[in-house]
Amino acid sequence: MEKTKRAPRRALASTLVGALIAAASIVGVAAPAQAAEADVADATFSWGLRDSWRNYISGPIAHGTVTPAAPATADGNGVASWSGGTGTIDAESHVGAVSFGGSVNYYGHDGAL
């Protein structure tokens, strides 16, 4: 009697599995969407270390300077700015990389810093 109860269940299970496979082949599996990247051109960036650091460098103890290398610039308070940055960014997540040329050199204590 066990064999007769299992046979309809197996047939039903086989039919359901077949239907799922057929549905998956008709619908297809969606491939993950390619993230669209956007080009970044002529980006600007301003940055300065803590006020206390900049004041220390240019103050009476370190007797230092803040010297930018082009295209970076620095204002009178040692805040550096860059322009002309290029790179790419993911349009959906807003994550990417932008690079800038130039540098900023903090000099103090007659070159010891």
N, C-alpha and C. Protein backbone atom coordinates (compact mmCIF):
# COMPACT_ATOMS: atom_id res chain seq x y z
N MET A 1 0.81 -1.18 0.00
CA MET A 1 0.00 0.00 0.00
C MET A 1 0.86 1.26 0.00
N GLU A 2 2.07 1.18 0.57
CA GLU A 2 2.97 2.33 0.57
C GLU A 2 3.33 2.75 -0.85
N LYS A 3 3.54 1.78 -1.74
CA LYS A 3 3.92 2.12 -3.11
C LYS A 3 2.85 2.93 -3.82
N THR A 4 1.63 2.65 -3.56
CA THR A 4 0.55 3.38 -4.23
C THR A 4 0.41 4.80 -3.73
N LYS A 5 0.75 5.07 -2.46
CA LYS A 5 0.68 6.43 -1.93
C LYS A 5 1.84 7.28 -2.43
N ARG A 6 3.00 6.67 -2.59
CA ARG A 6 4.19 7.42 -3.03
C ARG A 6 4.15 7.77 -4.51
N ALA A 7 3.58 6.93 -5.30
CA ALA A 7 3.57 7.15 -6.75
C ALA A 7 2.90 8.46 -7.13
N PRO A 8 1.70 8.79 -6.59
CA PRO A 8 1.09 10.08 -6.96
C PRO A 8 1.90 11.27 -6.45
N ARG A 9 2.51 11.11 -5.27
CA ARG A 9 3.33 12.21 -4.75
C ARG A 9 4.55 12.46 -5.62
N ARG A 10 5.19 11.38 -6.04
CA ARG A 10 6.37 11.53 -6.93
C ARG A 10 5.95 12.15 -8.25
N ALA A 11 4.85 11.74 -8.77
CA ALA A 11 4.37 12.30 -10.03
C ALA A 11 4.07 13.78 -9.89
N LEU A 12 3.44 14.14 -8.78
CA LEU A 12 3.13 15.55 -8.53
C LEU A 12 4.42 16.35 -8.35
N ALA A 13 5.38 15.84 -7.59
CA ALA A 13 6.65 16.52 -7.38
C ALA A 13 7.39 16.69 -8.69
N SER A 14 7.41 15.65 -9.52
CA SER A 14 8.08 15.74 -10.82
C SER A 14 7.42 16.77 -11.71
N THR A 15 6.10 16.82 -11.66
CA THR A 15 5.37 17.80 -12.47
C THR A 15 5.68 19.22 -12.01
N LEU A 16 5.70 19.44 -10.69
CA LEU A 16 6.00 20.77 -10.16
C LEU A 16 7.42 21.20 -10.50
N VAL A 17 8.38 20.31 -10.35
CA VAL A 17 9.77 20.63 -10.69
C VAL A 17 9.88 20.96 -12.18
N GLY A 18 9.22 20.16 -13.01
CA GLY A 18 9.24 20.43 -14.45
C GLY A 18 8.63 21.78 -14.78
N ALA A 19 7.54 22.14 -14.09
CA ALA A 19 6.90 23.44 -14.32
C ALA A 19 7.81 24.58 -13.90
N LEU A 20 8.50 24.41 -12.78
CA LEU A 20 9.44 25.47 -12.33
C LEU A 20 10.58 25.65 -13.31
N ILE A 21 11.12 24.55 -13.80
CA ILE A 21 12.22 24.64 -14.78
C ILE A 21 11.74 25.31 -16.05
N ALA A 22 10.54 24.93 -16.51
CA ALA A 22 9.99 25.55 -17.72
C ALA A 22 9.75 27.04 -17.52
N ALA A 23 9.24 27.43 -16.35
CA ALA A 23 8.99 28.85 -16.07
C ALA A 23 10.29 29.62 -16.02
N ALA A 24 11.31 29.03 -15.41
CA ALA A 24 12.61 29.71 -15.32
C ALA A 24 13.23 29.88 -16.70
N SER A 25 13.04 28.91 -17.58
CA SER A 25 13.64 29.03 -18.91
C SER A 25 12.89 30.05 -19.76
N ILE A 26 11.58 30.21 -19.50
CA ILE A 26 10.81 31.20 -20.26
C ILE A 26 11.13 32.60 -19.76
N VAL A 27 11.09 32.78 -18.44
CA VAL A 27 11.34 34.09 -17.85
C VAL A 27 12.81 34.44 -17.97
N GLY A 28 13.68 33.49 -17.72
CA GLY A 28 15.11 33.73 -17.73
C GLY A 28 15.55 34.33 -16.42
N VAL A 29 16.80 34.23 -16.18
CA VAL A 29 17.37 34.79 -14.96
C VAL A 29 17.93 36.15 -15.31
N ALA A 30 17.50 37.15 -14.60
CA ALA A 30 17.95 38.51 -14.89
C ALA A 30 19.41 38.67 -14.49
N ALA A 31 20.21 39.15 -15.40
CA ALA A 31 21.61 39.43 -15.10
C ALA A 31 21.69 40.72 -14.32
N PRO A 32 22.66 40.82 -13.41
CA PRO A 32 22.78 42.08 -12.67
C PRO A 32 23.05 43.23 -13.62
N ALA A 33 22.41 44.33 -13.35
CA ALA A 33 22.57 45.50 -14.21
C ALA A 33 23.98 46.06 -14.09
N GLN A 34 24.53 46.46 -15.19
CA GLN A 34 25.84 47.09 -15.20
C GLN A 34 25.71 48.49 -14.62
N ALA A 35 26.57 48.80 -13.68
CA ALA A 35 26.54 50.14 -13.10
C ALA A 35 27.04 51.14 -14.13
N ALA A 36 26.29 52.20 -14.30
CA ALA A 36 26.68 53.24 -15.23
C ALA A 36 27.72 54.14 -14.57
N GLU A 37 28.83 54.34 -15.25
CA GLU A 37 29.86 55.23 -14.74
C GLU A 37 29.77 56.56 -15.44
N ALA A 38 30.00 57.60 -14.68
CA ALA A 38 30.01 58.94 -15.23
C ALA A 38 31.43 59.48 -15.14
N ASP A 39 31.84 60.18 -16.17
CA ASP A 39 33.16 60.80 -16.16
C ASP A 39 33.12 62.07 -15.33
N VAL A 40 34.21 62.31 -14.62
CA VAL A 40 34.36 63.52 -13.83
C VAL A 40 35.45 64.36 -14.50
N ALA A 41 35.17 65.61 -14.73
CA ALA A 41 36.14 66.51 -15.35
C ALA A 41 36.12 67.85 -14.63
N ASP A 42 37.28 68.44 -14.48
CA ASP A 42 37.44 69.76 -13.89
C ASP A 42 36.84 69.85 -12.48
N ALA A 43 37.07 68.82 -11.68
CA ALA A 43 36.59 68.82 -10.29
C ALA A 43 37.47 69.74 -9.45
N THR A 44 36.91 70.26 -8.37
CA THR A 44 37.66 71.10 -7.44
C THR A 44 37.61 70.47 -6.05
N PHE A 45 38.62 70.78 -5.24
CA PHE A 45 38.75 70.18 -3.92
C PHE A 45 39.51 71.13 -3.02
N SER A 46 39.00 71.39 -1.83
CA SER A 46 39.70 72.23 -0.85
C SER A 46 39.87 71.43 0.43
N TRP A 47 41.04 71.56 1.05
CA TRP A 47 41.33 70.78 2.24
C TRP A 47 42.41 71.48 3.03
N GLY A 48 42.27 71.44 4.31
CA GLY A 48 43.31 71.98 5.18
C GLY A 48 43.38 71.16 6.44
N LEU A 49 44.57 70.90 6.89
CA LEU A 49 44.73 70.21 8.17
C LEU A 49 44.12 71.07 9.26
N ARG A 50 44.03 70.56 10.44
CA ARG A 50 43.43 71.31 11.55
C ARG A 50 44.01 72.71 11.67
N ASP A 51 43.18 73.64 12.09
CA ASP A 51 43.63 75.02 12.30
C ASP A 51 44.84 75.07 13.23
N SER A 52 44.81 74.27 14.29
CA SER A 52 45.92 74.29 15.25
C SER A 52 47.24 73.88 14.59
N TRP A 53 47.18 72.92 13.67
CA TRP A 53 48.40 72.49 12.96
C TRP A 53 48.90 73.60 12.04
N ARG A 54 47.98 74.17 11.28
CA ARG A 54 48.38 75.23 10.35
C ARG A 54 48.92 76.43 11.11
N ASN A 55 48.31 76.76 12.24
CA ASN A 55 48.81 77.87 13.07
C ASN A 55 50.18 77.55 13.66
N TYR A 56 50.39 76.31 14.05
CA TYR A 56 51.68 75.89 14.59
C TYR A 56 52.79 76.02 13.53
N ILE A 57 52.51 75.52 12.33
CA ILE A 57 53.51 75.57 11.25
C ILE A 57 53.92 77.01 10.96
N SER A 58 52.95 77.88 10.85
CA SER A 58 53.27 79.26 10.46
C SER A 58 53.56 80.16 11.66
N GLY A 59 53.49 79.62 12.86
CA GLY A 59 53.67 80.42 14.07
C GLY A 59 55.11 80.59 14.51
N PRO A 60 55.32 81.18 15.69
CA PRO A 60 56.65 81.52 16.18
C PRO A 60 57.48 80.32 16.66
N ILE A 61 56.89 79.16 16.81
CA ILE A 61 57.67 77.99 17.25
C ILE A 61 58.30 77.28 16.06
N ALA A 62 57.49 76.91 15.05
CA ALA A 62 58.02 76.16 13.90
C ALA A 62 58.63 77.07 12.85
N HIS A 63 58.22 78.33 12.80
CA HIS A 63 58.70 79.28 11.77
C HIS A 63 58.64 78.64 10.39
N GLY A 64 57.50 78.02 10.08
CA GLY A 64 57.39 77.26 8.83
C GLY A 64 56.57 77.94 7.77
N THR A 65 56.38 77.16 6.71
CA THR A 65 55.62 77.64 5.56
C THR A 65 54.74 76.51 5.03
N VAL A 66 53.72 76.89 4.31
CA VAL A 66 52.87 75.97 3.57
C VAL A 66 53.08 76.31 2.10
N THR A 67 53.64 75.36 1.34
CA THR A 67 54.00 75.64 -0.05
C THR A 67 53.27 74.68 -0.99
N PRO A 68 52.38 75.19 -1.82
CA PRO A 68 51.70 74.33 -2.79
C PRO A 68 52.53 74.19 -4.06
N ALA A 69 52.35 73.04 -4.74
CA ALA A 69 52.94 72.84 -6.07
C ALA A 69 51.79 72.78 -7.06
N ALA A 70 51.91 73.52 -8.15
CA ALA A 70 50.84 73.65 -9.14
C ALA A 70 50.36 72.27 -9.61
N PRO A 71 49.09 72.14 -9.83
CA PRO A 71 48.07 73.16 -9.87
C PRO A 71 47.44 73.45 -8.51
N ALA A 72 47.95 72.87 -7.43
CA ALA A 72 47.41 73.17 -6.09
C ALA A 72 47.76 74.61 -5.72
N THR A 73 46.88 75.20 -4.91
CA THR A 73 47.12 76.54 -4.38
C THR A 73 46.84 76.50 -2.89
N ALA A 74 47.30 77.49 -2.17
CA ALA A 74 47.00 77.60 -0.74
C ALA A 74 46.66 79.04 -0.43
N ASP A 75 45.65 79.21 0.41
CA ASP A 75 45.30 80.56 0.80
C ASP A 75 46.21 81.01 1.94
N GLY A 76 46.03 82.18 2.43
CA GLY A 76 46.89 82.72 3.48
C GLY A 76 46.81 81.96 4.79
N ASN A 77 45.79 81.14 4.96
CA ASN A 77 45.63 80.36 6.19
C ASN A 77 46.12 78.92 6.04
N GLY A 78 46.70 78.57 4.90
CA GLY A 78 47.22 77.22 4.70
C GLY A 78 46.20 76.21 4.22
N VAL A 79 45.00 76.66 3.84
CA VAL A 79 44.01 75.76 3.27
C VAL A 79 44.35 75.55 1.80
N ALA A 80 44.53 74.29 1.41
CA ALA A 80 44.93 73.98 0.03
C ALA A 80 43.70 73.76 -0.84
N SER A 81 43.82 74.11 -2.11
CA SER A 81 42.75 73.91 -3.09
C SER A 81 43.35 73.34 -4.36
N TRP A 82 42.61 72.44 -4.96
CA TRP A 82 43.01 71.85 -6.23
C TRP A 82 41.90 72.06 -7.23
N SER A 83 42.25 72.09 -8.51
CA SER A 83 41.28 72.16 -9.59
C SER A 83 41.73 71.22 -10.70
N GLY A 84 40.85 71.00 -11.66
CA GLY A 84 41.20 70.16 -12.81
C GLY A 84 41.20 68.67 -12.51
N GLY A 85 40.52 68.24 -11.46
CA GLY A 85 40.47 66.81 -11.13
C GLY A 85 39.69 66.01 -12.16
N THR A 86 40.15 64.79 -12.43
CA THR A 86 39.49 63.91 -13.39
C THR A 86 39.32 62.53 -12.78
N GLY A 87 38.33 61.80 -13.29
CA GLY A 87 38.11 60.44 -12.82
C GLY A 87 36.76 59.93 -13.26
N THR A 88 36.28 58.89 -12.56
CA THR A 88 34.97 58.32 -12.85
C THR A 88 34.24 58.10 -11.53
N ILE A 89 32.92 58.06 -11.64
CA ILE A 89 32.08 57.84 -10.47
C ILE A 89 30.88 56.99 -10.88
N ASP A 90 30.48 56.06 -10.03
CA ASP A 90 29.32 55.24 -10.28
C ASP A 90 28.08 56.12 -10.13
N ALA A 91 27.28 56.18 -11.17
CA ALA A 91 26.13 57.09 -11.18
C ALA A 91 25.07 56.70 -10.16
N GLU A 92 25.01 55.44 -9.77
CA GLU A 92 23.98 55.01 -8.82
C GLU A 92 24.45 55.14 -7.37
N SER A 93 25.64 54.63 -7.07
CA SER A 93 26.12 54.64 -5.68
C SER A 93 26.90 55.90 -5.32
N HIS A 94 27.30 56.66 -6.32
CA HIS A 94 28.09 57.88 -6.13
C HIS A 94 29.46 57.57 -5.53
N VAL A 95 30.00 56.41 -5.80
CA VAL A 95 31.33 56.02 -5.34
C VAL A 95 32.24 56.02 -6.55
N GLY A 96 33.41 56.56 -6.40
CA GLY A 96 34.35 56.59 -7.51
C GLY A 96 35.69 57.09 -7.07
N ALA A 97 36.48 57.50 -8.02
CA ALA A 97 37.81 58.02 -7.74
C ALA A 97 38.08 59.22 -8.64
N VAL A 98 38.61 60.26 -8.03
CA VAL A 98 38.99 61.47 -8.76
C VAL A 98 40.41 61.79 -8.35
N SER A 99 41.26 62.07 -9.31
CA SER A 99 42.66 62.38 -8.99
C SER A 99 42.97 63.82 -9.35
N PHE A 100 43.90 64.36 -8.57
CA PHE A 100 44.32 65.75 -8.73
C PHE A 100 45.84 65.78 -8.81
N GLY A 101 46.36 66.73 -9.57
CA GLY A 101 47.79 66.91 -9.62
C GLY A 101 48.25 67.88 -8.54
N GLY A 102 49.54 67.99 -8.39
CA GLY A 102 50.10 68.94 -7.44
C GLY A 102 50.24 68.36 -6.05
N SER A 103 50.73 69.17 -5.15
CA SER A 103 50.93 68.75 -3.76
C SER A 103 51.00 69.98 -2.87
N VAL A 104 51.01 69.73 -1.58
CA VAL A 104 51.20 70.81 -0.61
C VAL A 104 52.26 70.34 0.38
N ASN A 105 53.28 71.18 0.60
CA ASN A 105 54.38 70.85 1.49
C ASN A 105 54.30 71.72 2.74
N TYR A 106 54.27 71.05 3.90
CA TYR A 106 54.30 71.75 5.18
C TYR A 106 55.74 71.67 5.69
N TYR A 107 56.37 72.82 5.91
CA TYR A 107 57.78 72.90 6.27
C TYR A 107 57.91 73.68 7.56
N GLY A 108 58.72 73.17 8.49
CA GLY A 108 58.92 73.89 9.74
C GLY A 108 60.17 73.45 10.46
N HIS A 109 60.57 74.18 11.49
CA HIS A 109 61.77 73.90 12.31
C HIS A 109 63.03 73.74 11.46
N ASP A 110 63.19 74.63 10.51
CA ASP A 110 64.37 74.62 9.63
C ASP A 110 64.58 73.29 8.94
N GLY A 111 63.50 72.66 8.53
CA GLY A 111 63.58 71.41 7.78
C GLY A 111 63.44 70.15 8.63
N ALA A 112 63.45 70.26 9.93
CA ALA A 112 63.29 69.08 10.78
C ALA A 112 61.84 68.57 10.71
N LEU A 113 60.94 69.38 10.27
CA LEU A 113 59.54 69.01 10.14
C LEU A 113 59.10 69.24 8.72
